[in-house]
C-alpha atoms as a PDB file:
ATOM      1  CA  MET A   1      13.196  53.213 -21.153  1.00  0.00           C
ATOM      2  CA  SER A   2      13.347  49.894 -22.936  1.00  0.00           C
ATOM      3  CA  VAL A   3      11.323  46.849 -22.106  1.00  0.00           C
ATOM      4  CA  ASP A   4      12.980  43.512 -22.530  1.00  0.00           C
ATOM      5  CA  ASP A   5      10.706  41.049 -24.180  1.00  0.00           C
ATOM      6  CA  LYS A   6      11.516  37.848 -22.390  1.00  0.00           C
ATOM      7  CA  THR A   7       9.365  35.256 -23.932  1.00  0.00           C
ATOM      8  CA  SER A   8       9.672  31.797 -22.618  1.00  0.00           C
ATOM      9  CA  VAL A   9      10.649  29.402 -25.328  1.00  0.00           C
ATOM     10  CA  PRO A  10       8.607  26.232 -25.063  1.00  0.00           C
ATOM     11  CA  ALA A  11      10.624  23.101 -24.576  1.00  0.00           C
ATOM     12  CA  ALA A  12      11.144  20.919 -27.583  1.00  0.00           C
ATOM     13  CA  PRO A  13       8.631  18.094 -27.906  1.00  0.00           C
ATOM     14  CA  TYR A  14      11.473  15.592 -27.571  1.00  0.00           C
ATOM     15  CA  ARG A  15      12.482  17.080 -24.240  1.00  0.00           C
ATOM     16  CA  GLN A  16       8.891  17.000 -23.006  1.00  0.00           C
ATOM     17  CA  ARG A  17       8.581  13.358 -23.994  1.00  0.00           C
ATOM     18  CA  ALA A  18      11.883  12.527 -22.337  1.00  0.00           C
ATOM     19  CA  ARG A  19      10.829  14.282 -19.144  1.00  0.00           C
ATOM     20  CA  ARG A  20       7.465  12.503 -19.215  1.00  0.00           C
ATOM     21  CA  LEU A  21       9.193   9.141 -19.676  1.00  0.00           C
ATOM     22  CA  ARG A  22      11.458   9.824 -16.711  1.00  0.00           C
ATOM     23  CA  MET A  23       8.490  10.737 -14.529  1.00  0.00           C
ATOM     24  CA  ILE A  24       6.643   7.577 -15.608  1.00  0.00           C
ATOM     25  CA  GLY A  25       9.741   5.540 -14.779  1.00  0.00           C
ATOM     26  CA  ILE A  26      10.030   7.070 -11.318  1.00  0.00           C
ATOM     27  CA  VAL A  27       6.324   6.516 -10.602  1.00  0.00           C
ATOM     28  CA  VAL A  28       6.469   2.877 -11.786  1.00  0.00           C
ATOM     29  CA  LEU A  29       9.560   2.235  -9.678  1.00  0.00           C
ATOM     30  CA  ALA A  30       8.031   3.767  -6.549  1.00  0.00           C
ATOM     31  CA  LEU A  31       4.713   1.953  -6.990  1.00  0.00           C
ATOM     32  CA  GLY A  32       6.412  -1.337  -7.813  1.00  0.00           C
ATOM     33  CA  ILE A  33       8.742  -1.342  -4.843  1.00  0.00           C
ATOM     34  CA  GLY A  34       6.007  -0.080  -2.536  1.00  0.00           C
ATOM     35  CA  GLY A  35       3.539  -2.679  -3.817  1.00  0.00           C
ATOM     36  CA  ALA A  36       6.107  -5.456  -3.482  1.00  0.00           C
ATOM     37  CA  GLY A  37       6.834  -4.425   0.108  1.00  0.00           C
ATOM     38  CA  ILE A  38       3.150  -4.268   1.015  1.00  0.00           C
ATOM     39  CA  LEU A  39       2.456  -7.624  -0.642  1.00  0.00           C
ATOM     40  CA  TYR A  40       5.345  -9.259   1.195  1.00  0.00           C
ATOM     41  CA  TRP A  41       4.333  -7.752   4.517  1.00  0.00           C
ATOM     42  CA  LEU A  42       0.680  -8.768   4.204  1.00  0.00           C
ATOM     43  CA  ARG A  43       1.346 -12.298   2.966  1.00  0.00           C
ATOM     44  CA  THR A  44       3.996 -13.128   5.573  1.00  0.00           C
ATOM     45  CA  ARG A  45       1.655 -12.205   8.407  1.00  0.00           C
ATOM     46  CA  SER A  46      -0.763 -15.045   7.627  1.00  0.00           C
ATOM     47  CA  PRO A  47       0.158 -18.492   9.006  1.00  0.00           C
ATOM     48  CA  ASP A  48       1.704 -21.001   6.601  1.00  0.00           C
ATOM     49  CA  VAL A  49       0.117 -24.425   7.037  1.00  0.00           C
ATOM     50  CA  SER A  50       2.140 -26.196   4.337  1.00  0.00           C
ATOM     51  CA  ASP A  51       4.889 -27.123   6.831  1.00  0.00           C
ATOM     52  CA  GLU A  52       2.629 -28.798   9.388  1.00  0.00           C
ATOM     53  CA  LEU A  53       3.405 -32.370  10.396  1.00  0.00           C
ATOM     54  CA  SER A  54      -0.052 -33.552   9.346  1.00  0.00           C
ATOM     55  CA  MET A  55       0.653 -32.401   5.773  1.00  0.00           C
ATOM     56  CA  GLN A  56       3.937 -34.348   5.418  1.00  0.00           C
ATOM     57  CA  ASP A  57       2.323 -37.611   4.355  1.00  0.00           C
ATOM     58  CA  PHE A  58       0.068 -35.809   1.890  1.00  0.00           C
ATOM     59  CA  ASN A  59       2.999 -33.922   0.360  1.00  0.00           C
ATOM     60  CA  ARG A  60       5.071 -37.095   0.087  1.00  0.00           C
ATOM     61  CA  ALA A  61       2.247 -38.949  -1.665  1.00  0.00           C
ATOM     62  CA  GLU A  62       1.614 -36.021  -3.980  1.00  0.00           C
ATOM     63  CA  GLN A  63       5.290 -35.827  -4.968  1.00  0.00           C
ATOM     64  CA  ARG A  64       5.432 -39.585  -5.606  1.00  0.00           C
ATOM     65  CA  GLN A  65       2.370 -39.437  -7.832  1.00  0.00           C
ATOM     66  CA  MET A  66       3.732 -36.411  -9.727  1.00  0.00           C
ATOM     67  CA  GLY A  67       7.001 -38.289 -10.279  1.00  0.00           C
ATOM     68  CA  GLN A  68       5.213 -41.349 -11.620  1.00  0.00           C
ATOM     69  CA  LEU A  69       2.871 -39.423 -13.911  1.00  0.00           C
ATOM     70  CA  TYR A  70       5.119 -36.654 -15.248  1.00  0.00           C
ATOM     71  CA  GLY A  71       8.688 -37.675 -14.454  1.00  0.00           C
ATOM     72  CA  LYS A  72      11.438 -35.375 -13.226  1.00  0.00           C
ATOM     73  CA  SER A  73      10.383 -32.480 -15.435  1.00  0.00           C
ATOM     74  CA  GLY A  74       6.893 -32.588 -13.903  1.00  0.00           C
ATOM     75  CA  LEU A  75       8.415 -32.453 -10.427  1.00  0.00           C
ATOM     76  CA  LEU A  76      10.572 -29.513 -11.470  1.00  0.00           C
ATOM     77  CA  VAL A  77       7.610 -27.577 -12.894  1.00  0.00           C
ATOM     78  CA  ASP A  78       5.604 -28.376  -9.748  1.00  0.00           C
ATOM     79  CA  GLU A  79       8.432 -27.053  -7.551  1.00  0.00           C
ATOM     80  CA  TRP A  80       8.650 -23.896  -9.647  1.00  0.00           C
ATOM     81  CA  SER A  81       4.910 -23.296  -9.382  1.00  0.00           C
ATOM     82  CA  ASP A  82       5.140 -23.781  -5.612  1.00  0.00           C
ATOM     83  CA  ASP A  83       8.010 -21.281  -5.509  1.00  0.00           C
ATOM     84  CA  LEU A  84       5.928 -18.736  -7.434  1.00  0.00           C
ATOM     85  CA  LYS A  85       3.257 -18.971  -4.737  1.00  0.00           C
ATOM     86  CA  GLN A  86       5.699 -17.761  -2.055  1.00  0.00           C
ATOM     87  CA  PRO A  87       5.337 -14.086  -1.058  1.00  0.00           C
ATOM     88  CA  GLY A  88       9.087 -13.455  -1.229  1.00  0.00           C
ATOM     89  CA  THR A  89       9.280 -14.679  -4.811  1.00  0.00           C
ATOM     90  CA  GLN A  90       6.238 -12.645  -5.808  1.00  0.00           C
ATOM     91  CA  ALA A  91       7.678  -9.499  -4.220  1.00  0.00           C
ATOM     92  CA  ILE A  92      11.017  -9.996  -5.980  1.00  0.00           C
ATOM     93  CA  LEU A  93       9.276 -10.467  -9.342  1.00  0.00           C
ATOM     94  CA  ILE A  94       7.185  -7.300  -8.887  1.00  0.00           C
ATOM     95  CA  ALA A  95      10.204  -5.253  -7.821  1.00  0.00           C
ATOM     96  CA  GLY A  96      12.310  -6.665 -10.661  1.00  0.00           C
ATOM     97  CA  PHE A  97       9.665  -5.904 -13.268  1.00  0.00           C
ATOM     98  CA  SER A  98       9.296  -2.331 -11.990  1.00  0.00           C
ATOM     99  CA  ILE A  99      13.081  -1.874 -12.137  1.00  0.00           C
ATOM    100  CA  VAL A 100      13.120  -3.121 -15.744  1.00  0.00           C
ATOM    101  CA  VAL A 101      10.325  -0.691 -16.704  1.00  0.00           C
ATOM    102  CA  PHE A 102      12.131   2.133 -14.858  1.00  0.00           C
ATOM    103  CA  ALA A 103      15.386   1.387 -16.696  1.00  0.00           C
ATOM    104  CA  GLY A 104      13.553   1.166 -20.029  1.00  0.00           C
ATOM    105  CA  CYS A 105      11.885   4.542 -19.504  1.00  0.00           C
ATOM    106  CA  PHE A 106      15.193   6.192 -18.664  1.00  0.00           C
ATOM    107  CA  TYR A 107      16.899   4.503 -21.616  1.00  0.00           C
ATOM    108  CA  PHE A 108      14.310   5.738 -24.101  1.00  0.00           C
ATOM    109  CA  ALA A 109      14.313   9.202 -22.521  1.00  0.00           C
ATOM    110  CA  ARG A 110      18.065   9.294 -23.004  1.00  0.00           C
ATOM    111  CA  LEU A 111      17.632   8.323 -26.658  1.00  0.00           C
ATOM    112  CA  LEU A 112      15.146  11.165 -27.091  1.00  0.00           C
ATOM    113  CA  ASP A 113      17.662  13.577 -25.564  1.00  0.00           C
ATOM    114  CA  TYR A 114      20.333  12.433 -28.019  1.00  0.00           C
ATOM    115  CA  ASP A 115      17.912  12.874 -30.934  1.00  0.00           C
ATOM    116  CA  ASP A 116      17.208  16.430 -29.768  1.00  0.00           C
ATOM    117  CA  GLU A 117      20.856  17.522 -29.701  1.00  0.00           C
ATOM    118  CA  PRO A 118      22.082  19.443 -32.740  1.00  0.00           C
ATOM    119  CA  GLY A 119      24.807  17.981 -34.877  1.00  0.00           C
END
């Protein structure tokens, strides 16, 4: 009667790192998209008072003053900063960043797999 010695060969350190990178990428993607969705949902539920009629004169005066002090580039930067305060823009930025991190993790895991292959 012979006993087969089946010893489990530990995975190469490159494969473990690649697997860990893939798991980190999946976790970052899930948390990023989930966080972006929650942020968007919570921020869109609160009332937006920037579009009220009483604020129109204030906004017009503010834009005129910004144009006089900083020119067209100042107005452009002011518009961009206002856009960054919108919940939709914030959610898109969070989701986009998590997708970039996810893709980077998978890219580097793939490089580790290629380094591990013989030949």
